């Protein structure tokens, strides 16, 4: 039986690479060949993408004490190019530029992000706002957990016959 041998570095799971939203973003000004390989062999170029986090369109999702919040950098889009929809426990954010001419030709930009609402968050009360610096904030309040009510039908047995007595509410 052949057993493939790999260097341990490549066997490690890198979940940030699988769900890295920066893969859809354009390349930054970092050189394609890492210039510091001899002096910093343990640092790889993929780990340095976070240095320019505010400039590359990342978003942040938080579950706070009383609300669920999404922050998304959409500074390259105007408010009329953005849409936020809520359906089936999902928040969908879509933004699209029409073709625009620049120095090198035509450029268009579009993205679609979909976030699942966590349990305990109602999709009916979702609000969104766009700040002056281009940060889209979407909030959804957490529903207050009230006492859980359970309703059970109760059968009363009398001389071998079942009689329905109606529902009983338990708290």
C-alpha atoms as a PDB file:
ATOM      1  CA  UNK A   1       0.000   0.000   0.000  1.00  0.00           C
ATOM      2  CA  UNK A   2       1.330   3.411  -0.951  1.00  0.00           C
ATOM      3  CA  UNK A   3       1.102   6.090   1.703  1.00  0.00           C
ATOM      4  CA  UNK A   4       1.499   9.632   0.435  1.00  0.00           C
ATOM      5  CA  UNK A   5       4.006  11.601   2.458  1.00  0.00           C
ATOM      6  CA  UNK A   6       3.464  15.299   2.873  1.00  0.00           C
ATOM      7  CA  UNK A   7       5.325  17.947   4.712  1.00  0.00           C
ATOM      8  CA  UNK A   8       3.412  18.612   7.996  1.00  0.00           C
ATOM      9  CA  UNK A   9       2.898  22.258   7.066  1.00  0.00           C
ATOM     10  CA  UNK A  10       0.629  21.262   4.180  1.00  0.00           C
ATOM     11  CA  UNK A  11      -1.394  18.815   6.270  1.00  0.00           C
ATOM     12  CA  UNK A  12      -2.627  21.521   8.604  1.00  0.00           C
ATOM     13  CA  UNK A  13      -6.150  22.718   8.043  1.00  0.00           C
ATOM     14  CA  UNK A  14      -6.363  26.312   6.921  1.00  0.00           C
ATOM     15  CA  UNK A  15     -10.079  27.130   7.167  1.00  0.00           C
ATOM     16  CA  UNK A  16      -9.409  30.819   6.554  1.00  0.00           C
ATOM     17  CA  UNK A  17      -8.245  29.921   3.059  1.00  0.00           C
ATOM     18  CA  UNK A  18     -11.446  28.047   2.294  1.00  0.00           C
ATOM     19  CA  UNK A  19     -13.725  30.893   3.314  1.00  0.00           C
ATOM     20  CA  UNK A  20     -11.420  33.797   2.535  1.00  0.00           C
ATOM     21  CA  UNK A  21     -13.633  36.585   1.159  1.00  0.00           C
ATOM     22  CA  UNK A  22     -10.578  38.374  -0.199  1.00  0.00           C
ATOM     23  CA  UNK A  23     -10.318  35.796  -2.977  1.00  0.00           C
ATOM     24  CA  UNK A  24     -12.994  37.732  -4.828  1.00  0.00           C
ATOM     25  CA  UNK A  25     -11.178  41.019  -4.382  1.00  0.00           C
ATOM     26  CA  UNK A  26      -8.531  42.318  -6.776  1.00  0.00           C
ATOM     27  CA  UNK A  27      -4.888  41.727  -5.960  1.00  0.00           C
ATOM     28  CA  UNK A  28      -3.252  44.325  -3.789  1.00  0.00           C
ATOM     29  CA  UNK A  29      -0.016  46.159  -4.462  1.00  0.00           C
ATOM     30  CA  UNK A  30       1.987  43.468  -2.686  1.00  0.00           C
ATOM     31  CA  UNK A  31       4.617  41.928  -4.947  1.00  0.00           C
ATOM     32  CA  UNK A  32       3.818  38.497  -6.319  1.00  0.00           C
ATOM     33  CA  UNK A  33       7.234  37.245  -5.241  1.00  0.00           C
ATOM     34  CA  UNK A  34       7.708  37.643  -1.511  1.00  0.00           C
ATOM     35  CA  UNK A  35      10.917  39.694  -1.075  1.00  0.00           C
ATOM     36  CA  UNK A  36      11.725  38.553   2.476  1.00  0.00           C
ATOM     37  CA  UNK A  37      12.018  34.790   2.040  1.00  0.00           C
ATOM     38  CA  UNK A  38      15.576  34.605   3.304  1.00  0.00           C
ATOM     39  CA  UNK A  39      15.024  36.747   6.392  1.00  0.00           C
ATOM     40  CA  UNK A  40      11.459  35.649   7.285  1.00  0.00           C
ATOM     41  CA  UNK A  41      10.941  32.100   6.007  1.00  0.00           C
ATOM     42  CA  UNK A  42       8.022  31.406   8.349  1.00  0.00           C
ATOM     43  CA  UNK A  43       5.891  34.288   7.040  1.00  0.00           C
ATOM     44  CA  UNK A  44       4.012  33.524   3.871  1.00  0.00           C
ATOM     45  CA  UNK A  45       2.381  36.157   1.633  1.00  0.00           C
ATOM     46  CA  UNK A  46      -1.135  34.829   2.254  1.00  0.00           C
ATOM     47  CA  UNK A  47      -0.802  35.761   5.927  1.00  0.00           C
ATOM     48  CA  UNK A  48      -0.119  39.396   5.096  1.00  0.00           C
ATOM     49  CA  UNK A  49      -3.438  40.142   3.380  1.00  0.00           C
ATOM     50  CA  UNK A  50      -4.939  41.400   6.616  1.00  0.00           C
ATOM     51  CA  UNK A  51      -2.558  44.384   6.679  1.00  0.00           C
ATOM     52  CA  UNK A  52      -4.834  46.189   4.232  1.00  0.00           C
ATOM     53  CA  UNK A  53      -8.120  44.962   5.765  1.00  0.00           C
ATOM     54  CA  UNK A  54      -9.939  48.333   5.734  1.00  0.00           C
ATOM     55  CA  UNK A  55      -9.275  48.783   2.011  1.00  0.00           C
ATOM     56  CA  UNK A  56     -10.346  45.449   0.595  1.00  0.00           C
ATOM     57  CA  UNK A  57     -14.100  45.175   1.161  1.00  0.00           C
ATOM     58  CA  UNK A  58     -14.225  42.834   4.115  1.00  0.00           C
ATOM     59  CA  UNK A  59     -17.247  42.534   6.318  1.00  0.00           C
ATOM     60  CA  UNK A  60     -17.782  41.691   9.942  1.00  0.00           C
ATOM     61  CA  UNK A  61     -20.639  39.803  11.529  1.00  0.00           C
ATOM     62  CA  UNK A  62     -21.360  40.011  15.283  1.00  0.00           C
ATOM     63  CA  UNK A  63     -23.913  38.567  17.644  1.00  0.00           C
ATOM     64  CA  UNK A  64     -24.251  41.102  20.429  1.00  0.00           C
ATOM     65  CA  UNK A  65     -26.287  40.890  23.607  1.00  0.00           C
ATOM     66  CA  UNK A  66     -29.466  42.320  22.139  1.00  0.00           C
ATOM     67  CA  UNK A  67     -28.920  42.271  18.361  1.00  0.00           C
ATOM     68  CA  UNK A  68     -27.264  40.664  15.351  1.00  0.00           C
ATOM     69  CA  UNK A  69     -25.086  43.101  13.350  1.00  0.00           C
ATOM     70  CA  UNK A  70     -23.361  42.942   9.958  1.00  0.00           C
ATOM     71  CA  UNK A  71     -20.804  45.579   8.942  1.00  0.00           C
ATOM     72  CA  UNK A  72     -19.803  45.587   5.282  1.00  0.00           C
ATOM     73  CA  UNK A  73     -17.474  47.927   3.413  1.00  0.00           C
ATOM     74  CA  UNK A  74     -19.317  49.066   0.264  1.00  0.00           C
ATOM     75  CA  UNK A  75     -17.560  52.386  -0.333  1.00  0.00           C
ATOM     76  CA  UNK A  76     -17.246  51.690  -4.075  1.00  0.00           C
ATOM     77  CA  UNK A  77     -21.040  51.633  -4.510  1.00  0.00           C
ATOM     78  CA  UNK A  78     -23.633  54.378  -4.281  1.00  0.00           C
ATOM     79  CA  UNK A  79     -26.850  53.841  -2.276  1.00  0.00           C
ATOM     80  CA  UNK A  80     -28.936  53.319  -5.423  1.00  0.00           C
ATOM     81  CA  UNK A  81     -26.616  50.472  -6.497  1.00  0.00           C
ATOM     82  CA  UNK A  82     -27.193  48.517  -3.256  1.00  0.00           C
ATOM     83  CA  UNK A  83     -30.058  46.242  -2.295  1.00  0.00           C
ATOM     84  CA  UNK A  84     -30.686  44.363   0.954  1.00  0.00           C
ATOM     85  CA  UNK A  85     -33.303  41.599   0.968  1.00  0.00           C
ATOM     86  CA  UNK A  86     -34.522  39.351   3.774  1.00  0.00           C
ATOM     87  CA  UNK A  87     -36.142  36.003   2.997  1.00  0.00           C
ATOM     88  CA  UNK A  88     -36.081  32.455   4.363  1.00  0.00           C
ATOM     89  CA  UNK A  89     -33.873  33.315   7.351  1.00  0.00           C
ATOM     90  CA  UNK A  90     -31.246  34.822   5.017  1.00  0.00           C
ATOM     91  CA  UNK A  91     -30.064  38.381   4.473  1.00  0.00           C
ATOM     92  CA  UNK A  92     -28.921  38.929   0.885  1.00  0.00           C
ATOM     93  CA  UNK A  93     -26.836  41.960  -0.059  1.00  0.00           C
ATOM     94  CA  UNK A  94     -26.387  42.687  -3.748  1.00  0.00           C
ATOM     95  CA  UNK A  95     -24.459  45.560  -5.305  1.00  0.00           C
ATOM     96  CA  UNK A  96     -23.727  46.215  -8.958  1.00  0.00           C
ATOM     97  CA  UNK A  97     -22.031  48.921 -11.005  1.00  0.00           C
ATOM     98  CA  UNK A  98     -22.862  49.358 -14.606  1.00  0.00           C
ATOM     99  CA  UNK A  99     -19.928  49.440 -17.012  1.00  0.00           C
ATOM    100  CA  UNK A 100     -17.754  52.490 -16.473  1.00  0.00           C
ATOM    101  CA  UNK A 101     -14.890  53.665 -18.601  1.00  0.00           C
ATOM    102  CA  UNK A 102     -11.449  54.181 -17.097  1.00  0.00           C
ATOM    103  CA  UNK A 103      -7.916  54.585 -18.480  1.00  0.00           C
ATOM    104  CA  UNK A 104      -7.649  50.958 -19.575  1.00  0.00           C
ATOM    105  CA  UNK A 105     -11.150  50.258 -20.896  1.00  0.00           C
ATOM    106  CA  UNK A 106     -14.444  49.423 -19.225  1.00  0.00           C
ATOM    107  CA  UNK A 107     -14.832  48.273 -15.635  1.00  0.00           C
ATOM    108  CA  UNK A 108     -17.838  46.769 -13.901  1.00  0.00           C
ATOM    109  CA  UNK A 109     -18.101  45.587 -10.313  1.00  0.00           C
ATOM    110  CA  UNK A 110     -20.679  43.340  -8.675  1.00  0.00           C
ATOM    111  CA  UNK A 111     -20.973  41.249  -5.533  1.00  0.00           C
ATOM    112  CA  UNK A 112     -23.551  39.143  -3.760  1.00  0.00           C
ATOM    113  CA  UNK A 113     -23.264  38.214  -0.084  1.00  0.00           C
ATOM    114  CA  UNK A 114     -25.676  35.987   1.763  1.00  0.00           C
ATOM    115  CA  UNK A 115     -25.807  35.720   5.569  1.00  0.00           C
ATOM    116  CA  UNK A 116     -27.933  33.248   7.510  1.00  0.00           C
ATOM    117  CA  UNK A 117     -29.859  34.730  10.413  1.00  0.00           C
ATOM    118  CA  UNK A 118     -28.983  32.944  13.656  1.00  0.00           C
ATOM    119  CA  UNK A 119     -31.612  31.230  15.737  1.00  0.00           C
ATOM    120  CA  UNK A 120     -33.475  33.686  17.917  1.00  0.00           C
ATOM    121  CA  UNK A 121     -33.208  36.563  15.423  1.00  0.00           C
ATOM    122  CA  UNK A 122     -36.312  37.728  13.611  1.00  0.00           C
ATOM    123  CA  UNK A 123     -36.027  38.659   9.942  1.00  0.00           C
ATOM    124  CA  UNK A 124     -39.039  40.963  10.129  1.00  0.00           C
ATOM    125  CA  UNK A 125     -37.266  43.753  12.021  1.00  0.00           C
ATOM    126  CA  UNK A 126     -34.066  44.034   9.958  1.00  0.00           C
ATOM    127  CA  UNK A 127     -32.815  47.581   9.388  1.00  0.00           C
ATOM    128  CA  UNK A 128     -29.928  48.824   7.272  1.00  0.00           C
ATOM    129  CA  UNK A 129     -28.036  52.094   7.114  1.00  0.00           C
ATOM    130  CA  UNK A 130     -25.145  53.418   5.052  1.00  0.00           C
ATOM    131  CA  UNK A 131     -22.579  55.675   6.719  1.00  0.00           C
ATOM    132  CA  UNK A 132     -20.833  58.559   4.985  1.00  0.00           C
ATOM    133  CA  UNK A 133     -17.576  56.574   4.772  1.00  0.00           C
ATOM    134  CA  UNK A 134     -19.262  53.682   2.928  1.00  0.00           C
ATOM    135  CA  UNK A 135     -19.920  51.153   5.690  1.00  0.00           C
ATOM    136  CA  UNK A 136     -23.233  49.343   5.367  1.00  0.00           C
ATOM    137  CA  UNK A 137     -24.646  48.387   8.778  1.00  0.00           C
ATOM    138  CA  UNK A 138     -27.421  45.814   8.959  1.00  0.00           C
ATOM    139  CA  UNK A 139     -29.019  45.116  12.338  1.00  0.00           C
ATOM    140  CA  UNK A 140     -31.630  42.629  13.453  1.00  0.00           C
ATOM    141  CA  UNK A 141     -32.837  42.553  17.059  1.00  0.00           C
ATOM    142  CA  UNK A 142     -32.770  39.322  19.009  1.00  0.00           C
ATOM    143  CA  UNK A 143     -36.200  38.131  19.976  1.00  0.00           C
ATOM    144  CA  UNK A 144     -36.634  38.041  23.717  1.00  0.00           C
ATOM    145  CA  UNK A 145     -37.040  34.479  24.870  1.00  0.00           C
ATOM    146  CA  UNK A 146     -40.273  34.264  26.784  1.00  0.00           C
ATOM    147  CA  UNK A 147     -41.371  31.323  28.855  1.00  0.00           C
ATOM    148  CA  UNK A 148     -41.659  28.260  26.690  1.00  0.00           C
ATOM    149  CA  UNK A 149     -45.237  27.032  26.636  1.00  0.00           C
ATOM    150  CA  UNK A 150     -46.136  23.484  25.846  1.00  0.00           C
ATOM    151  CA  UNK A 151     -49.659  22.287  25.227  1.00  0.00           C
ATOM    152  CA  UNK A 152     -50.528  18.657  25.790  1.00  0.00           C
ATOM    153  CA  UNK A 153     -53.933  17.037  25.335  1.00  0.00           C
ATOM    154  CA  UNK A 154     -54.992  15.102  28.401  1.00  0.00           C
ATOM    155  CA  UNK A 155     -57.047  11.952  28.225  1.00  0.00           C
ATOM    156  CA  UNK A 156     -58.971  10.911  31.275  1.00  0.00           C
ATOM    157  CA  UNK A 157     -59.611   7.204  31.609  1.00  0.00           C
ATOM    158  CA  UNK A 158     -62.885   6.225  33.271  1.00  0.00           C
ATOM    159  CA  UNK A 159     -63.781   2.557  33.502  1.00  0.00           C
ATOM    160  CA  UNK A 160     -61.675   1.682  30.443  1.00  0.00           C
ATOM    161  CA  UNK A 161     -63.002   4.516  28.236  1.00  0.00           C
ATOM    162  CA  UNK A 162     -60.883   7.517  27.245  1.00  0.00           C
ATOM    163  CA  UNK A 163     -62.566  10.884  27.662  1.00  0.00           C
ATOM    164  CA  UNK A 164     -60.985  14.035  26.210  1.00  0.00           C
ATOM    165  CA  UNK A 165     -60.616  16.722  28.828  1.00  0.00           C
ATOM    166  CA  UNK A 166     -59.003  19.459  26.685  1.00  0.00           C
ATOM    167  CA  UNK A 167     -55.573  21.021  26.490  1.00  0.00           C
ATOM    168  CA  UNK A 168     -53.429  21.680  29.517  1.00  0.00           C
ATOM    169  CA  UNK A 169     -50.921  24.538  29.334  1.00  0.00           C
ATOM    170  CA  UNK A 170     -47.600  23.886  31.011  1.00  0.00           C
ATOM    171  CA  UNK A 171     -44.934  26.516  31.628  1.00  0.00           C
END
